[in-house]
Amino acid sequence: MAFSKKALLPTVNILGTEIHRLSREHLLQLIEERYEEGIPTWIVTANAEMAVRAKEEAEVADVLAKADLRLADGAGIVWAAKQMGSNVPERLPGVEIAEELVAWAAVNNLTIYMLGAGPGVAEEAVLELQTRYPGLRIVGYHHGYFDEKQELDILDDIRKKKPNLLLVALGAPRQEQWIAQHFPSLNTAIAVGVGGSFDVWAGRVKRAPTWMGERGLEWLYRLIKEPRRAKRMLALPRFVWYIKRESR
């Protein structure tokens, strides 16, 4: 399947957010085609929690609507699409898509800038990625704990280095809000919010076992490992309730 800048991509409406119905193969093909055509691309990987935030907060909904591609990050989105009488080909976890883009960048000699996570984490993630992908060109990185003055310096650094790929790990929806505000003025082709990916690459956080991910239980694994996420997880029953109500 070929895509073009004029193509209307199929979507499914999940609580007011249009999620693109793309397989991994077609997503990567589309990103490559947009890059070759010189079309800037901002990618959002949306899970159930983000869908609820967008449902309940107009500001978040407005931000997500500006993204070029909105992917089904979590199993909850895939389930919701079925409840709405549609389908999403597969779950596209943000950390996996981010690494697919890193691998693509390495093969094509593209440059990367990494912004976010705690002090020291991005540096560890950079070292790990460069070990996995020899020759990977990471032209800059900075942690996510910056003040207004540091932010201006970071923006200036990104504009000067003109990375092809910008990975932003500030947590949702802050990373999406940051990209929405700054992406139009940055000299970068692709931007994606990657959540906790830097921590995973740095080895500070482990992903759920494959069997849990396949059964839509990654949220449970993360809750067990990070009990502080309990308050955020309260969005999940609201998500189910909203979907059941709208799919009647």
C-alpha atoms as a PDB file:
ATOM      1  CA  MET A   1       0.000   0.000   0.000  1.00  0.00           C
ATOM      2  CA  ALA A   2       1.382   3.404  -0.949  1.00  0.00           C
ATOM      3  CA  PHE A   3       0.590   6.576   0.892  1.00  0.00           C
ATOM      4  CA  SER A   4       0.793  10.167  -0.236  1.00  0.00           C
ATOM      5  CA  LYS A   5       0.499  13.527   1.430  1.00  0.00           C
ATOM      6  CA  LYS A   6      -3.009  13.806  -0.017  1.00  0.00           C
ATOM      7  CA  ALA A   7      -4.185  10.414   1.215  1.00  0.00           C
ATOM      8  CA  LEU A   8      -6.955  10.279   3.789  1.00  0.00           C
ATOM      9  CA  LEU A   9      -5.825   7.790   6.384  1.00  0.00           C
ATOM     10  CA  PRO A  10      -8.492   5.612   8.014  1.00  0.00           C
ATOM     11  CA  THR A  11      -9.252   6.464  11.636  1.00  0.00           C
ATOM     12  CA  VAL A  12     -11.504   5.376  14.474  1.00  0.00           C
ATOM     13  CA  ASN A  13     -12.948   7.867  16.944  1.00  0.00           C
ATOM     14  CA  ILE A  14     -12.055   6.936  20.518  1.00  0.00           C
ATOM     15  CA  LEU A  15     -13.752   9.309  22.985  1.00  0.00           C
ATOM     16  CA  GLY A  16     -13.361  12.190  20.549  1.00  0.00           C
ATOM     17  CA  THR A  17      -9.766  11.453  19.525  1.00  0.00           C
ATOM     18  CA  GLU A  18      -9.210  10.181  16.007  1.00  0.00           C
ATOM     19  CA  ILE A  19      -6.801   7.227  16.136  1.00  0.00           C
ATOM     20  CA  HIS A  20      -5.177   6.190  12.875  1.00  0.00           C
ATOM     21  CA  ARG A  21      -5.791   2.587  11.890  1.00  0.00           C
ATOM     22  CA  LEU A  22      -2.290   1.661  10.815  1.00  0.00           C
ATOM     23  CA  SER A  23      -0.269  -1.525  11.016  1.00  0.00           C
ATOM     24  CA  ARG A  24       3.370  -1.261  12.013  1.00  0.00           C
ATOM     25  CA  GLU A  25       4.486  -1.964   8.463  1.00  0.00           C
ATOM     26  CA  HIS A  26       2.264   0.720   6.944  1.00  0.00           C
ATOM     27  CA  LEU A  27       3.161   3.216   9.655  1.00  0.00           C
ATOM     28  CA  LEU A  28       6.884   2.922   9.007  1.00  0.00           C
ATOM     29  CA  GLN A  29       6.293   3.099   5.258  1.00  0.00           C
ATOM     30  CA  LEU A  30       4.191   6.233   5.693  1.00  0.00           C
ATOM     31  CA  ILE A  31       6.789   7.934   7.904  1.00  0.00           C
ATOM     32  CA  GLU A  32       9.506   7.184   5.363  1.00  0.00           C
ATOM     33  CA  GLU A  33       7.390   8.514   2.493  1.00  0.00           C
ATOM     34  CA  ARG A  34       6.524  11.699   4.375  1.00  0.00           C
ATOM     35  CA  TYR A  35      10.202  12.203   5.216  1.00  0.00           C
ATOM     36  CA  GLU A  36      11.253  11.763   1.595  1.00  0.00           C
ATOM     37  CA  GLU A  37       8.562  14.246   0.505  1.00  0.00           C
ATOM     38  CA  GLY A  38       9.772  16.780   3.072  1.00  0.00           C
ATOM     39  CA  ILE A  39       6.535  16.712   5.116  1.00  0.00           C
ATOM     40  CA  PRO A  40       7.111  17.342   8.853  1.00  0.00           C
ATOM     41  CA  THR A  41       5.520  14.606  10.972  1.00  0.00           C
ATOM     42  CA  TRP A  42       4.492  14.740  14.611  1.00  0.00           C
ATOM     43  CA  ILE A  43       3.513  11.373  16.067  1.00  0.00           C
ATOM     44  CA  VAL A  44       1.427  10.730  19.188  1.00  0.00           C
ATOM     45  CA  THR A  45       1.170   7.279  20.742  1.00  0.00           C
ATOM     46  CA  ALA A  46      -2.119   7.275  22.627  1.00  0.00           C
ATOM     47  CA  ASN A  47      -3.253   4.915  25.378  1.00  0.00           C
ATOM     48  CA  ALA A  48      -6.475   4.688  27.384  1.00  0.00           C
ATOM     49  CA  GLU A  49      -5.270   7.173  29.984  1.00  0.00           C
ATOM     50  CA  MET A  50      -4.508   9.777  27.340  1.00  0.00           C
ATOM     51  CA  ALA A  51      -7.876   9.207  25.666  1.00  0.00           C
ATOM     52  CA  VAL A  52      -9.614   9.896  28.984  1.00  0.00           C
ATOM     53  CA  ARG A  53      -7.564  13.060  29.517  1.00  0.00           C
ATOM     54  CA  ALA A  54      -8.589  14.245  26.063  1.00  0.00           C
ATOM     55  CA  LYS A  55     -12.227  13.380  26.785  1.00  0.00           C
ATOM     56  CA  GLU A  56     -12.247  15.346  30.034  1.00  0.00           C
ATOM     57  CA  GLU A  57      -9.843  18.196  29.194  1.00  0.00           C
ATOM     58  CA  ALA A  58     -10.484  20.282  26.076  1.00  0.00           C
ATOM     59  CA  GLU A  59      -6.908  21.590  26.095  1.00  0.00           C
ATOM     60  CA  VAL A  60      -5.493  18.065  25.804  1.00  0.00           C
ATOM     61  CA  ALA A  61      -7.995  17.181  23.068  1.00  0.00           C
ATOM     62  CA  ASP A  62      -7.006  20.280  21.096  1.00  0.00           C
ATOM     63  CA  VAL A  63      -3.331  19.365  21.368  1.00  0.00           C
ATOM     64  CA  LEU A  64      -3.821  15.786  20.184  1.00  0.00           C
ATOM     65  CA  ALA A  65      -5.919  16.973  17.251  1.00  0.00           C
ATOM     66  CA  LYS A  66      -2.899  18.888  15.939  1.00  0.00           C
ATOM     67  CA  ALA A  67      -0.717  15.774  15.642  1.00  0.00           C
ATOM     68  CA  ASP A  68      -0.132  14.307  12.193  1.00  0.00           C
ATOM     69  CA  LEU A  69      -0.392  10.689  13.359  1.00  0.00           C
ATOM     70  CA  ARG A  70      -2.114   9.305  16.457  1.00  0.00           C
ATOM     71  CA  LEU A  71      -1.301   5.670  17.142  1.00  0.00           C
ATOM     72  CA  ALA A  72      -2.886   2.975  19.290  1.00  0.00           C
ATOM     73  CA  ASP A  73      -0.233   2.651  21.977  1.00  0.00           C
ATOM     74  CA  GLY A  74      -2.198   0.483  24.386  1.00  0.00           C
ATOM     75  CA  ALA A  75      -4.346  -2.638  24.261  1.00  0.00           C
ATOM     76  CA  GLY A  76      -7.202  -0.524  25.637  1.00  0.00           C
ATOM     77  CA  ILE A  77      -7.361   1.488  22.419  1.00  0.00           C
ATOM     78  CA  VAL A  78      -7.425  -1.686  20.321  1.00  0.00           C
ATOM     79  CA  TRP A  79     -10.232  -3.070  22.501  1.00  0.00           C
ATOM     80  CA  ALA A  80     -12.159   0.208  22.325  1.00  0.00           C
ATOM     81  CA  ALA A  81     -11.982   0.246  18.525  1.00  0.00           C
ATOM     82  CA  LYS A  82     -13.647  -3.177  18.434  1.00  0.00           C
ATOM     83  CA  GLN A  83     -16.335  -1.995  20.823  1.00  0.00           C
ATOM     84  CA  MET A  84     -17.011   0.914  18.477  1.00  0.00           C
ATOM     85  CA  GLY A  85     -17.515  -1.482  15.570  1.00  0.00           C
ATOM     86  CA  SER A  86     -14.155  -0.717  13.966  1.00  0.00           C
ATOM     87  CA  ASN A  87     -10.675  -2.101  14.290  1.00  0.00           C
ATOM     88  CA  VAL A  88      -7.051  -1.134  14.751  1.00  0.00           C
ATOM     89  CA  PRO A  89      -4.675  -3.586  13.009  1.00  0.00           C
ATOM     90  CA  GLU A  90      -2.361  -3.918  15.990  1.00  0.00           C
ATOM     91  CA  ARG A  91      -1.063  -2.308  19.158  1.00  0.00           C
ATOM     92  CA  LEU A  92       1.848   0.071  18.514  1.00  0.00           C
ATOM     93  CA  PRO A  93       3.657   0.584  21.846  1.00  0.00           C
ATOM     94  CA  GLY A  94       5.474   3.904  21.950  1.00  0.00           C
ATOM     95  CA  VAL A  95       8.807   2.451  23.084  1.00  0.00           C
ATOM     96  CA  GLU A  96       8.768  -0.044  20.205  1.00  0.00           C
ATOM     97  CA  ILE A  97       7.851   2.532  17.579  1.00  0.00           C
ATOM     98  CA  ALA A  98      10.515   4.872  18.942  1.00  0.00           C
ATOM     99  CA  GLU A  99      13.158   2.180  18.619  1.00  0.00           C
ATOM    100  CA  GLU A 100      11.958   1.305  15.124  1.00  0.00           C
ATOM    101  CA  LEU A 101      12.555   4.950  14.227  1.00  0.00           C
ATOM    102  CA  VAL A 102      15.989   4.888  15.863  1.00  0.00           C
ATOM    103  CA  ALA A 103      16.909   1.783  13.849  1.00  0.00           C
ATOM    104  CA  TRP A 104      15.628   3.447  10.673  1.00  0.00           C
ATOM    105  CA  ALA A 105      17.677   6.551  11.458  1.00  0.00           C
ATOM    106  CA  ALA A 106      20.814   4.467  11.972  1.00  0.00           C
ATOM    107  CA  VAL A 107      20.421   2.686   8.633  1.00  0.00           C
ATOM    108  CA  ASN A 108      19.778   5.949   6.781  1.00  0.00           C
ATOM    109  CA  ASN A 109      22.447   8.037   8.526  1.00  0.00           C
ATOM    110  CA  LEU A 110      19.856  10.384  10.034  1.00  0.00           C
ATOM    111  CA  THR A 111      20.430  12.483  13.139  1.00  0.00           C
ATOM    112  CA  ILE A 112      18.601  12.301  16.468  1.00  0.00           C
ATOM    113  CA  TYR A 113      18.062  14.646  19.414  1.00  0.00           C
ATOM    114  CA  MET A 114      16.783  13.235  22.716  1.00  0.00           C
ATOM    115  CA  LEU A 115      15.002  15.399  25.274  1.00  0.00           C
ATOM    116  CA  GLY A 116      13.547  14.285  28.574  1.00  0.00           C
ATOM    117  CA  ALA A 117      13.664  11.849  31.520  1.00  0.00           C
ATOM    118  CA  GLY A 118      15.619  12.440  34.696  1.00  0.00           C
ATOM    119  CA  PRO A 119      19.198  13.742  34.951  1.00  0.00           C
ATOM    120  CA  GLY A 120      21.618  11.132  33.644  1.00  0.00           C
ATOM    121  CA  VAL A 121      18.963   8.929  32.076  1.00  0.00           C
ATOM    122  CA  ALA A 122      19.163  10.339  28.560  1.00  0.00           C
ATOM    123  CA  GLU A 123      22.948   9.955  28.597  1.00  0.00           C
ATOM    124  CA  GLU A 124      22.640   6.292  29.619  1.00  0.00           C
ATOM    125  CA  ALA A 125      19.992   5.751  26.947  1.00  0.00           C
ATOM    126  CA  VAL A 126      22.260   7.348  24.326  1.00  0.00           C
ATOM    127  CA  LEU A 127      25.124   5.001  25.217  1.00  0.00           C
ATOM    128  CA  GLU A 128      22.838   1.957  25.055  1.00  0.00           C
ATOM    129  CA  LEU A 129      21.341   2.924  21.701  1.00  0.00           C
ATOM    130  CA  GLN A 130      24.751   3.609  20.209  1.00  0.00           C
ATOM    131  CA  THR A 131      25.819   0.149  21.364  1.00  0.00           C
ATOM    132  CA  ARG A 132      22.794  -1.438  19.726  1.00  0.00           C
ATOM    133  CA  TYR A 133      23.138   0.628  16.552  1.00  0.00           C
ATOM    134  CA  PRO A 134      26.819   1.334  15.806  1.00  0.00           C
ATOM    135  CA  GLY A 135      27.255   4.597  13.939  1.00  0.00           C
ATOM    136  CA  LEU A 136      23.977   6.024  15.250  1.00  0.00           C
ATOM    137  CA  ARG A 137      24.174   9.822  15.030  1.00  0.00           C
ATOM    138  CA  ILE A 138      22.771  11.353  18.209  1.00  0.00           C
ATOM    139  CA  VAL A 139      23.634  15.024  17.922  1.00  0.00           C
ATOM    140  CA  GLY A 140      22.274  16.183  21.265  1.00  0.00           C
ATOM    141  CA  TYR A 141      20.405  15.273  24.430  1.00  0.00           C
ATOM    142  CA  HIS A 142      19.131  16.944  27.593  1.00  0.00           C
ATOM    143  CA  HIS A 143      17.167  15.810  30.621  1.00  0.00           C
ATOM    144  CA  GLY A 144      13.593  16.913  31.172  1.00  0.00           C
ATOM    145  CA  TYR A 145      14.109  18.976  34.329  1.00  0.00           C
ATOM    146  CA  PHE A 146      14.777  22.375  32.811  1.00  0.00           C
ATOM    147  CA  ASP A 147      13.729  25.902  33.703  1.00  0.00           C
ATOM    148  CA  GLU A 148      12.659  28.613  31.262  1.00  0.00           C
ATOM    149  CA  LYS A 149      16.210  29.810  30.611  1.00  0.00           C
ATOM    150  CA  GLN A 150      17.459  26.284  29.991  1.00  0.00           C
ATOM    151  CA  GLU A 151      14.490  25.623  27.734  1.00  0.00           C
ATOM    152  CA  LEU A 152      15.456  28.562  25.526  1.00  0.00           C
ATOM    153  CA  ASP A 153      18.985  27.152  25.290  1.00  0.00           C
ATOM    154  CA  ILE A 154      17.610  23.702  24.446  1.00  0.00           C
ATOM    155  CA  LEU A 155      15.387  25.114  21.704  1.00  0.00           C
ATOM    156  CA  ASP A 156      18.301  27.063  20.286  1.00  0.00           C
ATOM    157  CA  ASP A 157      20.456  23.931  20.347  1.00  0.00           C
ATOM    158  CA  ILE A 158      17.830  21.893  18.508  1.00  0.00           C
ATOM    159  CA  ARG A 159      17.380  24.562  15.847  1.00  0.00           C
ATOM    160  CA  LYS A 160      21.137  24.762  15.278  1.00  0.00           C
ATOM    161  CA  LYS A 161      21.649  21.009  15.064  1.00  0.00           C
ATOM    162  CA  LYS A 162      18.567  20.393  12.881  1.00  0.00           C
ATOM    163  CA  PRO A 163      18.002  16.765  13.919  1.00  0.00           C
ATOM    164  CA  ASN A 164      15.986  14.597  11.571  1.00  0.00           C
ATOM    165  CA  LEU A 165      14.308  12.871  14.514  1.00  0.00           C
ATOM    166  CA  LEU A 166      13.342  14.466  17.835  1.00  0.00           C
ATOM    167  CA  LEU A 167      12.435  12.130  20.709  1.00  0.00           C
ATOM    168  CA  VAL A 168      10.671  13.850  23.614  1.00  0.00           C
ATOM    169  CA  ALA A 169      10.289  11.981  26.905  1.00  0.00           C
ATOM    170  CA  LEU A 170       8.474  14.398  29.203  1.00  0.00           C
ATOM    171  CA  GLY A 171       5.494  12.193  30.038  1.00  0.00           C
ATOM    172  CA  ALA A 172       1.987  12.575  28.663  1.00  0.00           C
ATOM    173  CA  PRO A 173       0.422  14.995  28.044  1.00  0.00           C
ATOM    174  CA  ARG A 174       3.291  17.374  28.842  1.00  0.00           C
ATOM    175  CA  GLN A 175       5.431  16.050  25.980  1.00  0.00           C
ATOM    176  CA  GLU A 176       2.552  16.468  23.528  1.00  0.00           C
ATOM    177  CA  GLN A 177       1.920  20.003  24.743  1.00  0.00           C
ATOM    178  CA  TRP A 178       5.624  20.816  24.413  1.00  0.00           C
ATOM    179  CA  ILE A 179       5.823  19.418  20.882  1.00  0.00           C
ATOM    180  CA  ALA A 180       2.626  21.207  19.839  1.00  0.00           C
ATOM    181  CA  GLN A 181       4.096  24.493  21.009  1.00  0.00           C
ATOM    182  CA  HIS A 182       7.577  24.159  19.551  1.00  0.00           C
ATOM    183  CA  PHE A 183       7.591  21.686  16.652  1.00  0.00           C
ATOM    184  CA  PRO A 184       6.469  24.223  14.021  1.00  0.00           C
ATOM    185  CA  SER A 185       9.535  26.382  14.729  1.00  0.00           C
ATOM    186  CA  LEU A 186      12.122  23.598  15.008  1.00  0.00           C
ATOM    187  CA  ASN A 187      14.351  22.413  12.183  1.00  0.00           C
ATOM    188  CA  THR A 188      13.405  18.765  12.548  1.00  0.00           C
ATOM    189  CA  ALA A 189      11.498  16.401  10.293  1.00  0.00           C
ATOM    190  CA  ILE A 190       9.935  14.003  12.785  1.00  0.00           C
ATOM    191  CA  ALA A 191       8.944  14.451  16.421  1.00  0.00           C
ATOM    192  CA  VAL A 192       7.437  11.843  18.716  1.00  0.00           C
ATOM    193  CA  GLY A 193       6.560  11.770  22.403  1.00  0.00           C
ATOM    194  CA  VAL A 194       8.139   8.635  23.835  1.00  0.00           C
ATOM    195  CA  GLY A 195       7.068   8.628  27.494  1.00  0.00           C
ATOM    196  CA  GLY A 196       9.319   6.392  29.578  1.00  0.00           C
ATOM    197  CA  SER A 197      11.353   5.018  26.665  1.00  0.00           C
ATOM    198  CA  PHE A 198      14.620   6.585  27.824  1.00  0.00           C
ATOM    199  CA  ASP A 199      14.284   4.850  31.190  1.00  0.00           C
ATOM    200  CA  VAL A 200      13.705   1.532  29.410  1.00  0.00           C
ATOM    201  CA  TRP A 201      16.711   1.979  27.130  1.00  0.00           C
ATOM    202  CA  ALA A 202      18.847   3.064  30.074  1.00  0.00           C
ATOM    203  CA  GLY A 203      17.901  -0.129  31.894  1.00  0.00           C
ATOM    204  CA  ARG A 204      16.235   1.681  34.778  1.00  0.00           C
ATOM    205  CA  VAL A 205      12.751   0.377  33.979  1.00  0.00           C
ATOM    206  CA  LYS A 206      11.820  -3.043  32.627  1.00  0.00           C
ATOM    207  CA  ARG A 207       8.936  -3.615  30.287  1.00  0.00           C
ATOM    208  CA  ALA A 208       6.238  -6.148  31.069  1.00  0.00           C
ATOM    209  CA  PRO A 209       6.837  -9.735  29.941  1.00  0.00           C
ATOM    210  CA  THR A 210       5.703 -10.375  26.391  1.00  0.00           C
ATOM    211  CA  TRP A 211       2.792 -12.569  27.508  1.00  0.00           C
ATOM    212  CA  MET A 212       1.407  -9.739  29.648  1.00  0.00           C
ATOM    213  CA  GLY A 213       1.702  -7.251  26.800  1.00  0.00           C
ATOM    214  CA  GLU A 214      -0.087  -9.615  24.414  1.00  0.00           C
ATOM    215  CA  ARG A 215      -2.947  -9.984  26.893  1.00  0.00           C
ATOM    216  CA  GLY A 216      -3.305  -6.272  27.521  1.00  0.00           C
ATOM    217  CA  LEU A 217      -1.901  -6.517  31.051  1.00  0.00           C
ATOM    218  CA  GLU A 218       1.104  -4.233  30.710  1.00  0.00           C
ATOM    219  CA  TRP A 219      -0.745  -1.663  32.827  1.00  0.00           C
ATOM    220  CA  LEU A 220      -0.940  -4.190  35.690  1.00  0.00           C
ATOM    221  CA  TYR A 221       2.765  -4.934  35.493  1.00  0.00           C
ATOM    222  CA  ARG A 222       3.591  -1.236  35.606  1.00  0.00           C
ATOM    223  CA  LEU A 223       1.265  -0.716  38.550  1.00  0.00           C
ATOM    224  CA  ILE A 224       2.920  -3.540  40.484  1.00  0.00           C
ATOM    225  CA  LYS A 225       6.365  -2.149  39.741  1.00  0.00           C
ATOM    226  CA  GLU A 226       5.340   1.485  40.306  1.00  0.00           C
ATOM    227  CA  PRO A 227       2.556   1.694  42.939  1.00  0.00           C
ATOM    228  CA  ARG A 228       2.723   5.500  42.726  1.00  0.00           C
ATOM    229  CA  ARG A 229       0.897   5.160  39.401  1.00  0.00           C
ATOM    230  CA  ALA A 230      -2.260   4.009  41.217  1.00  0.00           C
ATOM    231  CA  LYS A 231      -3.939   7.422  41.025  1.00  0.00           C
ATOM    232  CA  ARG A 232      -3.313   7.646  37.285  1.00  0.00           C
ATOM    233  CA  MET A 233      -4.685   4.138  36.790  1.00  0.00           C
ATOM    234  CA  LEU A 234      -8.079   5.335  38.006  1.00  0.00           C
ATOM    235  CA  ALA A 235      -8.535   6.566  34.451  1.00  0.00           C
ATOM    236  CA  LEU A 236      -8.871   2.961  33.240  1.00  0.00           C
ATOM    237  CA  PRO A 237     -12.296   2.163  34.732  1.00  0.00           C
ATOM    238  CA  ARG A 238     -13.525   5.565  33.490  1.00  0.00           C
ATOM    239  CA  PHE A 239     -12.227   4.654  30.038  1.00  0.00           C
ATOM    240  CA  VAL A 240     -14.166   1.376  30.041  1.00  0.00           C
ATOM    241  CA  TRP A 241     -17.316   3.126  31.266  1.00  0.00           C
ATOM    242  CA  TYR A 242     -17.072   5.836  28.607  1.00  0.00           C
ATOM    243  CA  ILE A 243     -16.551   3.270  25.841  1.00  0.00           C
ATOM    244  CA  LYS A 244     -19.401   1.046  26.980  1.00  0.00           C
ATOM    245  CA  ARG A 245     -21.693   4.070  27.130  1.00  0.00           C
ATOM    246  CA  GLU A 246     -20.740   5.329  23.673  1.00  0.00           C
ATOM    247  CA  SER A 247     -20.853   1.925  21.989  1.00  0.00           C
ATOM    248  CA  ARG A 248     -24.476   1.180  22.947  1.00  0.00           C
END
